[in-house]
Amino acid sequence: MCKEDAYWGTVAGLYVGLEYGVERLRGTRDWKYAMVGGALTGALVSAVGNNNRDKIVLDAITGGAVATAAEFISYLT
């Protein structure tokens, strides 16, 4: 259980750090930064976890889609 907690905490920290870093570069905040942060996080986590290049691209797309959807949902509430 602690191993899983550490893994997901690292993923969350990586996502927040990447999203905030991209946001700081441009000085504005919108859904695009969530997409970029999610895609980079998905790609990095996949690259560390396995060696299949096709899976890395799929995980990057999935990470970007999930982060963008979460950002849109937060705008609705």
Protein backbone atom coordinates (compact mmCIF):
# COMPACT_ATOMS: atom_id res chain seq x y z
CA MET A 1 0.00 0.00 0.00
CA CYS A 2 2.78 2.45 0.80
CA LYS A 3 4.47 1.67 -2.51
CA GLU A 4 1.29 2.53 -4.44
CA ASP A 5 0.83 5.72 -2.40
CA ALA A 6 4.37 6.80 -3.15
CA TYR A 7 3.89 6.05 -6.85
CA TRP A 8 0.67 8.05 -7.20
CA GLY A 9 2.06 10.87 -5.07
CA THR A 10 5.03 11.10 -7.39
CA VAL A 11 2.77 11.13 -10.45
CA ALA A 12 0.60 13.87 -8.94
CA GLY A 13 3.64 15.93 -7.98
CA LEU A 14 5.11 15.56 -11.44
CA TYR A 15 1.84 16.65 -13.06
CA VAL A 16 1.42 19.70 -10.82
CA GLY A 17 5.04 20.69 -11.29
CA LEU A 18 4.87 20.43 -15.07
CA GLU A 19 1.55 22.24 -15.30
CA TYR A 20 2.76 25.04 -13.04
CA GLY A 21 6.07 25.30 -14.90
CA VAL A 22 4.36 25.66 -18.27
CA GLU A 23 1.93 28.16 -16.77
CA ARG A 24 4.77 30.25 -15.35
CA LEU A 25 6.50 30.42 -18.71
CA ARG A 26 3.56 32.20 -20.34
CA GLY A 27 2.06 33.93 -17.31
CA THR A 28 -1.54 32.88 -18.00
CA ARG A 29 -3.75 29.99 -16.94
CA ASP A 30 -6.04 27.97 -19.21
CA TRP A 31 -6.91 24.40 -20.16
CA LYS A 32 -3.95 24.05 -22.54
CA TYR A 33 -1.51 23.86 -19.66
CA ALA A 34 -3.45 20.99 -18.12
CA MET A 35 -3.28 19.18 -21.45
CA VAL A 36 0.47 19.73 -21.83
CA GLY A 37 1.17 18.79 -18.20
CA GLY A 38 -0.96 15.65 -18.49
CA ALA A 39 0.65 14.60 -21.75
CA LEU A 40 4.19 15.11 -20.44
CA THR A 41 3.37 13.30 -17.21
CA GLY A 42 1.79 10.38 -19.08
CA ALA A 43 4.80 10.10 -21.36
CA LEU A 44 7.35 10.29 -18.54
CA VAL A 45 5.55 7.79 -16.32
CA SER A 46 5.15 5.40 -19.25
CA ALA A 47 8.79 5.76 -20.28
CA VAL A 48 9.95 4.90 -16.78
CA GLY A 49 7.48 2.03 -16.41
CA ASN A 50 8.00 0.12 -19.66
CA ASN A 51 10.05 0.06 -22.86
CA ASN A 52 7.30 -0.06 -25.51
CA ARG A 53 7.45 3.17 -27.56
CA ASP A 54 3.91 2.79 -28.91
CA LYS A 55 2.59 2.64 -25.35
CA ILE A 56 4.42 5.85 -24.42
CA VAL A 57 2.56 7.81 -27.10
CA LEU A 58 -0.76 6.27 -26.09
CA ASP A 59 -0.14 7.09 -22.42
CA ALA A 60 0.81 10.67 -23.32
CA ILE A 61 -2.45 11.10 -25.24
CA THR A 62 -4.43 9.53 -22.40
CA GLY A 63 -2.75 11.71 -19.77
CA GLY A 64 -3.46 14.86 -21.77
CA ALA A 65 -7.09 13.86 -22.32
CA VAL A 66 -7.73 13.04 -18.66
CA ALA A 67 -6.09 16.26 -17.44
CA THR A 68 -8.02 18.35 -19.96
CA ALA A 69 -11.31 16.71 -19.01
CA ALA A 70 -10.61 17.33 -15.32
CA GLU A 71 -9.85 20.99 -16.06
CA PHE A 72 -13.10 21.42 -18.01
CA ILE A 73 -15.09 19.77 -15.22
CA SER A 74 -13.52 22.11 -12.67
CA TYR A 75 -14.60 25.09 -14.78
CA LEU A 76 -18.20 23.83 -14.75
CA THR A 77 -18.41 23.60 -10.96
